[in-house]
Amino acid sequence: MSLNKLKKWIYHHISINKRLEIVATYYLLFLMIEVRKHSLEESARFSGLNKSQFSKFLSKHQDLAIYSLDKLSKKQAKQCSKTIKYLKDTSLWKVAILIDSTIENRSSIHTENSQKFNHGQGFVIGHQWTNILLIINDMIIPLPPIPYYTKKYCRENGLKFKTEHDSVVEYLNLLNLEEYIGQHDPKEVVVIADSGYDDKKIEKAIDKKWNFIIALKEKRSVKSENEYQNTPKSKDWSQVVAFFKNHRRLPWQTILIPTDEDGKKKKRMEFRARQAIGYLRDVGRAQLVCSEWRKRPDGRRKHLACNDLRATARQILIGYRIRWLIETFHKEVKTYLGFEDVATQGFASVQAHVHWVYCAYLLLHAHPPGVPEPAKTIAEKQRRVKQIIDHQEKRQVLQQLTQIGGVERYKNQLRRALAAS
């Protein structure tokens, strides 16, 4: 496998105009290999281009990065949906939409559009991104993420300030799944999110189009079917924790959920759960589930709501476990693809970098030519892409050494490289 073929394969997937083809292809290739840090300096050293070319590419062409990710995610989703299967260990849903946010750490509060976040163990500085992932046939497909704009950034750029929840509602209302998977049954689509997205506007937006499984906040107001029919609609709502305390007669179900290790089911997680059909305030009818570890009942319980009334408690718990894939995605893009390595002042460059990182993620999982199927981890795929590049460099060196005066020219190149470093 040659480097030229790999470049043509990347160009075929993103279709960038000739003027930007070289810098865009090299930036994607750089993100697709394993290096200590995916900085602009390293990208210039890797490609032989000037650092300013990459700096201008990111700052001036963020719209191109957004368009490329949108096009690539649709292409990958259509490819996966040709033989679409049910989500693993479920028989109700074929497509999952995962929603969660992550922080892109930065070193200074003075960086454009950065702010402080309380991240559990103290404050961190950075940008917030809300990621939307499609799960089709166990394939993770990131869609263009939602950037969070601070009030200051909105004032300076003439933008209308929106909360994260307002942005998610707008995104879901505009999301047309037919552009990704073609014609489909909306009942076979489920949106999964943690309690940070337990919001009536979000749940109502999803309920109009698809199913949802959402973790509930402890103070979320719910009612049983009987209470809803026999009491005023504005009164006698219970917090979900109190609701399950008041319905202790609901039987516990033991639920075994298989976990995969290297493709083989070796362990089973044991939960127990109570299930009831009730109503979410300002949303509508839904299944309510209270679950906890069966062998470790330490009082920490998870309360879930699902508007698909066909689902069993086991299917709801398995569906909610799929949400962990978005945590895996966040870890991989931060650890291997340099999600947090950009060190530019302007947010336009940050935005472009993040979208190119997601493009690189999709390309690595689209099985680049020369990277065989057995390469499962993203780190292994990066190493194999690097081997293709290193092999090409060795071939170029050998070719130069066999030419007349090639040894002397190669020595001069090494001297210049050492002097530059």
Protein backbone atom coordinates (compact mmCIF):
# COMPACT_ATOMS: atom_id res chain seq x y z
CA MET A 1 0.00 0.00 0.00
CA SER A 2 1.49 3.35 -1.08
CA LEU A 3 1.12 6.75 0.53
CA ASN A 4 -0.26 8.18 -2.72
CA LYS A 5 -3.13 5.67 -2.70
CA LEU A 6 -3.90 6.56 0.93
CA LYS A 7 -3.97 10.27 0.04
CA LYS A 8 -6.31 9.62 -2.90
CA TRP A 9 -8.57 7.56 -0.63
CA ILE A 10 -8.79 10.45 1.89
CA TYR A 11 -9.42 12.98 -0.86
CA HIS A 12 -12.17 10.75 -2.29
CA HIS A 13 -13.94 10.75 1.09
CA ILE A 14 -13.83 14.49 1.78
CA SER A 15 -13.72 16.06 -1.73
CA ILE A 16 -11.80 19.28 -1.00
CA ASN A 17 -10.98 21.75 -3.77
CA LYS A 18 -7.52 21.60 -5.35
CA ARG A 19 -6.26 24.77 -3.66
CA LEU A 20 -6.65 23.27 -0.17
CA GLU A 21 -6.19 19.62 -1.05
CA ILE A 22 -2.55 19.30 0.04
CA VAL A 23 -2.80 21.03 3.42
CA ALA A 24 -6.14 19.36 4.28
CA THR A 25 -4.91 15.88 3.35
CA TYR A 26 -1.70 16.28 5.32
CA TYR A 27 -3.59 17.61 8.37
CA LEU A 28 -5.94 14.62 8.32
CA LEU A 29 -3.04 12.21 7.82
CA PHE A 30 -1.25 13.84 10.76
CA LEU A 31 -4.30 13.37 12.99
CA MET A 32 -4.55 9.74 11.86
CA ILE A 33 -1.08 8.77 13.12
CA GLU A 34 0.25 8.20 16.61
CA VAL A 35 2.35 11.11 17.87
CA ARG A 36 3.07 12.62 21.27
CA LYS A 37 1.10 15.78 20.55
CA HIS A 38 -1.01 16.83 17.57
CA SER A 39 0.18 20.44 17.52
CA LEU A 40 0.61 22.78 14.55
CA GLU A 41 4.40 22.62 14.98
CA GLU A 42 4.35 18.84 14.77
CA SER A 43 2.01 18.88 11.77
CA ALA A 44 4.45 21.20 9.95
CA ARG A 45 7.39 18.94 10.83
CA PHE A 46 5.46 15.86 9.69
CA SER A 47 4.39 17.30 6.33
CA GLY A 48 7.30 19.55 5.44
CA LEU A 49 4.88 22.44 5.00
CA ASN A 50 5.03 25.74 6.87
CA LYS A 51 3.21 26.04 10.19
CA SER A 52 1.44 29.19 8.92
CA GLN A 53 -0.28 27.14 6.20
CA PHE A 54 -2.02 25.01 8.81
CA SER A 55 -2.76 28.04 10.99
CA LYS A 56 -4.48 29.84 8.10
CA PHE A 57 -6.22 26.64 7.04
CA LEU A 58 -7.87 26.30 10.47
CA SER A 59 -8.69 29.98 11.04
CA LYS A 60 -10.08 30.76 7.58
CA HIS A 61 -11.90 27.55 6.66
CA GLN A 62 -13.97 26.41 9.64
CA ASP A 63 -17.05 26.17 7.37
CA LEU A 64 -15.19 23.67 5.20
CA ALA A 65 -14.42 21.53 8.26
CA ILE A 66 -18.09 21.55 9.33
CA TYR A 67 -19.25 20.70 5.80
CA SER A 68 -16.68 17.89 5.45
CA LEU A 69 -17.72 16.24 8.72
CA ASP A 70 -21.41 16.52 7.81
CA LYS A 71 -20.80 14.94 4.41
CA LEU A 72 -18.51 12.22 5.76
CA SER A 73 -20.88 11.24 8.60
CA LYS A 74 -23.77 10.92 6.13
CA LYS A 75 -21.64 8.80 3.80
CA GLN A 76 -20.58 6.47 6.63
CA ALA A 77 -24.13 6.19 7.99
CA LYS A 78 -25.54 5.28 4.57
CA GLN A 79 -22.85 2.64 4.18
CA CYS A 80 -23.66 1.11 7.59
CA SER A 81 -27.42 1.23 7.10
CA LYS A 82 -27.38 -0.97 3.96
CA THR A 83 -27.68 -4.04 6.19
CA ILE A 84 -28.94 -2.49 9.41
CA LYS A 85 -29.39 -4.76 12.44
CA TYR A 86 -30.98 -4.36 15.86
CA LEU A 87 -28.83 -2.84 18.57
CA LYS A 88 -26.95 -5.52 20.49
CA ASP A 89 -29.13 -7.54 22.90
CA THR A 90 -32.25 -5.55 22.01
CA SER A 91 -35.03 -6.35 19.58
CA LEU A 92 -36.78 -2.98 19.44
CA TRP A 93 -34.32 -0.36 18.17
CA LYS A 94 -31.92 -0.36 15.23
CA VAL A 95 -30.46 3.14 15.58
CA ALA A 96 -29.36 4.96 18.73
CA ILE A 97 -28.70 8.69 19.02
CA LEU A 98 -26.43 9.49 21.96
CA ILE A 99 -26.19 12.96 23.50
CA ASP A 100 -23.52 14.12 25.94
CA SER A 101 -21.15 17.03 26.43
CA THR A 102 -17.42 17.17 27.03
CA ILE A 103 -14.93 19.87 27.97
CA GLU A 104 -12.02 20.75 25.71
CA ASN A 105 -9.41 21.88 28.23
CA ARG A 106 -7.50 25.12 27.56
CA SER A 107 -4.75 26.76 29.57
CA SER A 108 -6.07 30.34 29.71
CA ILE A 109 -9.40 31.99 30.48
CA HIS A 110 -8.42 34.69 27.96
CA THR A 111 -8.73 32.29 25.03
CA GLU A 112 -11.69 33.28 22.87
CA ASN A 113 -14.99 31.69 23.98
CA SER A 114 -13.42 29.85 26.94
CA GLN A 115 -14.98 29.76 30.40
CA LYS A 116 -14.68 28.06 33.77
CA PHE A 117 -16.55 24.82 34.45
CA ASN A 118 -17.10 23.07 37.76
CA HIS A 119 -15.98 19.58 36.78
CA GLY A 120 -16.52 17.73 40.05
CA GLN A 121 -12.96 18.01 41.40
CA GLY A 122 -12.58 21.74 40.97
CA PHE A 123 -12.82 24.25 38.16
CA VAL A 124 -11.41 23.67 34.68
CA ILE A 125 -11.00 26.16 31.83
CA GLY A 126 -12.04 25.32 28.30
CA HIS A 127 -14.73 25.03 25.66
CA GLN A 128 -17.86 22.93 25.97
CA TRP A 129 -18.99 20.72 23.10
CA THR A 130 -22.26 18.79 23.00
CA ASN A 131 -21.70 15.67 20.92
CA ILE A 132 -24.37 13.84 18.96
CA LEU A 133 -23.44 10.28 17.96
CA LEU A 134 -25.27 7.78 15.76
CA ILE A 135 -24.87 4.10 16.67
CA ILE A 136 -25.57 1.80 13.70
CA ASN A 137 -24.42 -1.84 13.67
CA ASP A 138 -22.06 -1.08 16.59
CA MET A 139 -20.43 1.67 14.49
CA ILE A 140 -19.97 5.07 16.17
CA ILE A 141 -20.68 7.93 13.77
CA PRO A 142 -20.13 11.44 15.18
CA LEU A 143 -22.35 14.16 13.72
CA PRO A 144 -21.27 17.83 13.69
CA PRO A 145 -21.09 18.77 17.40
CA ILE A 146 -22.82 21.72 19.07
CA PRO A 147 -20.41 24.40 20.34
CA TYR A 148 -21.42 26.30 23.46
CA TYR A 149 -21.04 30.06 22.97
CA THR A 150 -20.55 32.25 26.02
CA LYS A 151 -22.59 35.43 26.45
CA LYS A 152 -19.47 37.52 25.85
CA TYR A 153 -18.67 35.69 22.61
CA CYS A 154 -22.28 36.12 21.44
CA ARG A 155 -22.17 39.88 22.13
CA GLU A 156 -18.89 40.29 20.27
CA ASN A 157 -20.02 38.29 17.23
CA GLY A 158 -23.66 39.35 16.97
CA LEU A 159 -25.04 35.93 17.93
CA LYS A 160 -28.15 35.14 19.93
CA PHE A 161 -27.24 33.48 23.21
CA LYS A 162 -28.70 29.99 23.71
CA THR A 163 -28.49 27.60 26.59
CA GLU A 164 -27.16 24.12 25.92
CA HIS A 165 -30.66 22.66 26.22
CA ASP A 166 -32.09 25.19 23.74
CA SER A 167 -29.32 24.29 21.27
CA VAL A 168 -30.02 20.56 21.67
CA VAL A 169 -33.76 21.08 21.06
CA GLU A 170 -33.03 23.10 17.92
CA TYR A 171 -30.55 20.47 16.71
CA LEU A 172 -33.01 17.60 17.22
CA ASN A 173 -35.82 19.48 15.48
CA LEU A 174 -33.61 20.07 12.42
CA LEU A 175 -32.03 16.60 12.37
CA ASN A 176 -33.33 14.66 9.37
CA LEU A 177 -32.33 11.01 9.82
CA GLU A 178 -33.38 10.13 6.28
CA GLU A 179 -30.29 11.97 5.05
CA TYR A 180 -28.21 9.49 7.06
CA ILE A 181 -30.02 6.14 6.89
CA GLY A 182 -32.73 6.63 4.28
CA GLN A 183 -36.34 5.66 4.92
CA HIS A 184 -36.85 4.06 8.30
CA ASP A 185 -39.39 3.35 11.01
CA PRO A 186 -39.15 6.09 13.70
CA LYS A 187 -40.13 3.48 16.29
CA GLU A 188 -36.78 1.79 15.67
CA VAL A 189 -34.81 4.90 16.71
CA VAL A 190 -33.98 5.64 20.35
CA VAL A 191 -32.31 8.73 21.82
CA ILE A 192 -30.23 8.03 24.94
CA ALA A 193 -28.95 10.63 27.40
CA ASP A 194 -28.00 11.01 31.05
CA SER A 195 -29.79 13.12 33.67
CA GLY A 196 -28.11 16.31 32.45
CA TYR A 197 -30.61 16.26 29.58
CA ASP A 198 -33.67 15.48 31.68
CA ASP A 199 -35.51 18.53 30.37
CA LYS A 200 -39.14 18.68 29.26
CA LYS A 201 -38.30 20.62 26.07
CA ILE A 202 -35.73 18.02 25.02
CA GLU A 203 -38.02 15.11 25.89
CA LYS A 204 -40.98 16.63 24.04
CA ALA A 205 -38.79 17.29 20.97
CA ILE A 206 -37.69 13.64 20.95
CA ASP A 207 -41.18 12.29 21.70
CA LYS A 208 -42.54 13.90 18.53
CA LYS A 209 -40.12 11.92 16.35
CA TRP A 210 -38.50 8.97 18.14
CA ASN A 211 -38.21 7.02 21.37
CA PHE A 212 -36.02 8.04 24.29
CA ILE A 213 -34.27 6.52 27.29
CA ILE A 214 -33.22 9.28 29.68
CA ALA A 215 -31.93 9.14 33.24
CA LEU A 216 -34.15 11.23 35.50
CA LYS A 217 -33.08 13.77 38.08
CA GLU A 218 -34.07 12.85 41.62
CA LYS A 219 -36.56 15.73 41.80
CA ARG A 220 -38.26 14.95 38.48
CA SER A 221 -42.05 15.03 38.86
CA VAL A 222 -43.97 11.89 37.90
CA LYS A 223 -47.37 10.27 38.46
CA SER A 224 -48.75 6.78 38.21
CA GLU A 225 -51.47 6.07 35.65
CA ASN A 226 -54.13 5.83 38.34
CA GLU A 227 -53.08 9.14 39.94
CA TYR A 228 -52.98 10.88 36.58
CA GLN A 229 -56.54 9.82 35.74
CA ASN A 230 -58.04 10.55 39.16
CA THR A 231 -56.33 13.75 40.31
CA PRO A 232 -56.10 17.28 38.88
CA LYS A 233 -53.43 17.53 36.18
CA SER A 234 -51.60 20.33 38.02
CA LYS A 235 -51.52 18.67 41.46
CA ASP A 236 -50.23 15.65 43.36
CA TRP A 237 -47.06 15.12 41.35
CA SER A 238 -44.33 13.18 43.18
CA GLN A 239 -40.59 13.35 42.86
CA VAL A 240 -39.39 10.15 41.20
CA VAL A 241 -37.48 9.00 44.32
CA ALA A 242 -40.60 9.44 46.47
CA PHE A 243 -42.72 7.80 43.77
CA PHE A 244 -40.85 4.49 44.03
CA LYS A 245 -40.82 4.69 47.84
CA ASN A 246 -44.59 5.05 47.76
CA HIS A 247 -44.88 2.07 45.41
CA ARG A 248 -42.87 -0.47 47.36
CA ARG A 249 -45.24 -3.21 46.32
CA LEU A 250 -43.85 -3.10 42.81
CA PRO A 251 -41.84 -6.33 42.54
CA TRP A 252 -38.10 -6.32 41.98
CA GLN A 253 -36.90 -8.06 38.82
CA THR A 254 -33.44 -9.60 38.59
CA ILE A 255 -31.83 -8.55 35.31
CA LEU A 256 -28.67 -10.07 33.87
CA ILE A 257 -26.87 -7.98 31.26
CA PRO A 258 -24.01 -9.54 29.28
CA THR A 259 -20.75 -7.65 28.84
CA ASP A 260 -18.34 -8.23 25.98
CA GLU A 261 -14.63 -8.89 26.28
CA ASP A 262 -12.80 -9.24 22.97
CA GLY A 263 -16.05 -10.16 21.29
CA LYS A 264 -16.81 -13.01 23.73
CA LYS A 265 -19.49 -12.79 26.39
CA LYS A 266 -17.63 -13.72 29.55
CA LYS A 267 -19.35 -11.74 32.30
CA ARG A 268 -22.85 -10.73 33.25
CA MET A 269 -23.80 -7.66 35.23
CA GLU A 270 -26.57 -8.29 37.73
CA PHE A 271 -29.14 -5.61 38.45
CA ARG A 272 -32.53 -5.52 40.05
CA ALA A 273 -35.23 -3.17 38.86
CA ARG A 274 -38.76 -1.99 39.49
CA GLN A 275 -40.90 -0.90 36.58
CA ALA A 276 -44.13 1.06 36.30
CA ILE A 277 -46.05 2.87 33.58
CA GLY A 278 -46.69 6.45 34.55
CA TYR A 279 -46.47 10.04 33.37
CA LEU A 280 -43.62 12.53 33.13
CA ARG A 281 -44.79 16.01 33.99
CA ASP A 282 -45.27 18.20 30.90
CA VAL A 283 -44.17 15.34 28.63
CA GLY A 284 -46.60 12.43 28.70
CA ARG A 285 -46.90 8.70 29.25
CA ALA A 286 -43.70 6.75 29.81
CA GLN A 287 -42.21 3.70 31.45
CA LEU A 288 -40.49 4.47 34.74
CA VAL A 289 -37.66 2.22 35.94
CA CYS A 290 -35.76 2.22 39.23
CA SER A 291 -32.60 0.08 39.14
CA GLU A 292 -29.60 -0.74 41.30
CA TRP A 293 -26.79 -3.29 41.49
CA ARG A 294 -28.26 -6.55 42.77
CA LYS A 295 -25.31 -7.60 44.92
CA ARG A 296 -24.30 -4.11 46.02
CA PRO A 297 -27.44 -2.26 47.13
CA ASP A 298 -25.72 0.83 48.53
CA GLY A 299 -28.64 3.22 48.09
CA ARG A 300 -27.39 4.61 44.76
CA ARG A 301 -30.23 4.03 42.38
CA LYS A 302 -30.71 5.05 38.79
CA HIS A 303 -34.13 6.25 37.66
CA LEU A 304 -34.89 5.97 33.96
CA ALA A 305 -37.75 7.01 31.72
CA CYS A 306 -38.60 5.48 28.35
CA ASN A 307 -41.50 6.56 26.16
CA ASP A 308 -41.49 3.25 24.26
CA LEU A 309 -44.22 1.34 26.06
CA ARG A 310 -43.21 -1.91 24.34
CA ALA A 311 -39.88 -2.03 26.16
CA THR A 312 -39.18 -4.31 29.11
CA ALA A 313 -37.07 -3.23 32.06
CA ARG A 314 -34.21 -5.36 30.71
CA GLN A 315 -34.35 -3.71 27.28
CA ILE A 316 -34.38 -0.25 28.88
CA LEU A 317 -31.31 -1.02 31.02
CA ILE A 318 -29.44 -2.53 28.06
CA GLY A 319 -30.40 0.50 25.97
CA TYR A 320 -29.12 2.91 28.61
CA ARG A 321 -25.81 1.02 28.81
CA ILE A 322 -25.25 1.84 25.13
CA ARG A 323 -24.77 5.44 26.31
CA TRP A 324 -21.32 4.42 27.59
CA LEU A 325 -20.11 4.40 23.96
CA ILE A 326 -20.09 8.20 23.97
CA GLU A 327 -17.74 8.17 26.97
CA THR A 328 -15.47 5.82 25.02
CA PHE A 329 -15.61 8.20 22.07
CA HIS A 330 -14.60 11.17 24.24
CA LYS A 331 -11.66 9.22 25.66
CA GLU A 332 -10.41 8.12 22.23
CA VAL A 333 -10.52 11.55 20.55
CA LYS A 334 -8.76 13.12 23.54
CA THR A 335 -6.14 10.40 23.99
CA TYR A 336 -5.29 9.49 20.40
CA LEU A 337 -6.52 12.21 18.02
CA GLY A 338 -5.41 15.43 19.70
CA PHE A 339 -8.87 16.81 20.52
CA GLU A 340 -7.33 19.12 23.15
CA ASP A 341 -3.97 19.77 21.47
CA VAL A 342 -4.90 22.84 19.44
CA ALA A 343 -3.27 25.95 20.97
CA THR A 344 -4.81 28.78 18.96
CA GLN A 345 -6.34 31.97 20.37
CA GLY A 346 -9.31 32.24 17.99
CA PHE A 347 -12.30 29.98 18.46
CA ALA A 348 -12.78 29.59 14.69
CA SER A 349 -9.51 27.60 14.57
CA VAL A 350 -10.60 25.50 17.55
CA GLN A 351 -13.91 24.77 15.86
CA ALA A 352 -12.21 23.71 12.63
CA HIS A 353 -9.72 21.52 14.51
CA VAL A 354 -12.45 19.68 16.42
CA HIS A 355 -14.37 18.92 13.21
CA TRP A 356 -11.21 17.64 11.47
CA VAL A 357 -10.50 15.43 14.50
CA TYR A 358 -13.94 13.85 14.10
CA CYS A 359 -13.29 13.41 10.37
CA ALA A 360 -10.04 11.60 11.20
CA TYR A 361 -11.95 9.38 13.65
CA LEU A 362 -14.43 8.41 10.93
CA LEU A 363 -11.69 7.77 8.37
CA LEU A 364 -9.78 5.49 10.74
CA HIS A 365 -12.93 3.47 11.37
CA ALA A 366 -13.76 3.31 7.67
CA HIS A 367 -10.86 0.83 7.23
CA PRO A 368 -8.25 2.79 5.25
CA PRO A 369 -6.57 0.79 2.48
CA GLY A 370 -3.55 -1.05 3.84
CA VAL A 371 -5.09 -1.24 7.34
CA PRO A 372 -6.62 -4.75 7.54
CA GLU A 373 -9.84 -5.55 9.36
CA PRO A 374 -8.18 -7.23 12.41
CA ALA A 375 -6.90 -3.80 13.54
CA LYS A 376 -9.56 -3.20 16.20
CA THR A 377 -8.23 -0.42 18.42
CA ILE A 378 -7.76 3.11 17.19
CA ALA A 379 -4.14 3.08 18.41
CA GLU A 380 -3.35 0.03 16.29
CA LYS A 381 -4.95 1.62 13.24
CA GLN A 382 -2.87 4.76 13.77
CA ARG A 383 0.32 2.71 13.99
CA ARG A 384 -0.46 0.96 10.72
CA VAL A 385 -1.14 4.25 8.94
CA LYS A 386 2.22 5.47 10.29
CA GLN A 387 3.90 2.34 8.89
CA ILE A 388 2.57 3.18 5.42
CA ILE A 389 4.02 6.70 5.68
CA ASP A 390 7.37 5.48 7.07
CA HIS A 391 7.62 2.87 4.30
CA GLN A 392 7.09 5.57 1.68
CA GLU A 393 9.81 7.73 3.25
CA LYS A 394 12.26 4.80 3.20
CA ARG A 395 11.51 4.18 -0.45
CA GLN A 396 12.16 7.83 -1.28
CA VAL A 397 15.49 7.77 0.60
CA LEU A 398 16.61 4.57 -1.16
CA GLN A 399 15.61 6.00 -4.51
CA GLN A 400 17.59 9.18 -3.85
CA LEU A 401 20.70 7.27 -2.67
CA THR A 402 20.81 5.23 -5.89
CA GLN A 403 20.85 8.37 -8.06
CA ILE A 404 24.07 10.06 -9.23
CA GLY A 405 25.21 12.37 -6.43
CA GLY A 406 22.31 11.15 -4.28
CA VAL A 407 24.43 10.42 -1.21
CA GLU A 408 25.77 13.97 -1.09
CA ARG A 409 22.30 15.50 -1.60
CA TYR A 410 20.91 13.34 1.21
CA LYS A 411 23.72 14.44 3.53
CA ASN A 412 22.93 18.08 2.76
CA GLN A 413 19.25 17.49 3.56
CA LEU A 414 20.18 15.95 6.92
CA ARG A 415 22.47 18.89 7.73
CA ARG A 416 19.68 21.38 6.95
CA ALA A 417 17.19 19.39 9.04
CA LEU A 418 19.56 19.28 12.00
CA ALA A 419 20.29 22.98 11.68
CA ALA A 420 16.57 23.79 11.61
CA SER A 421 15.90 21.73 14.74
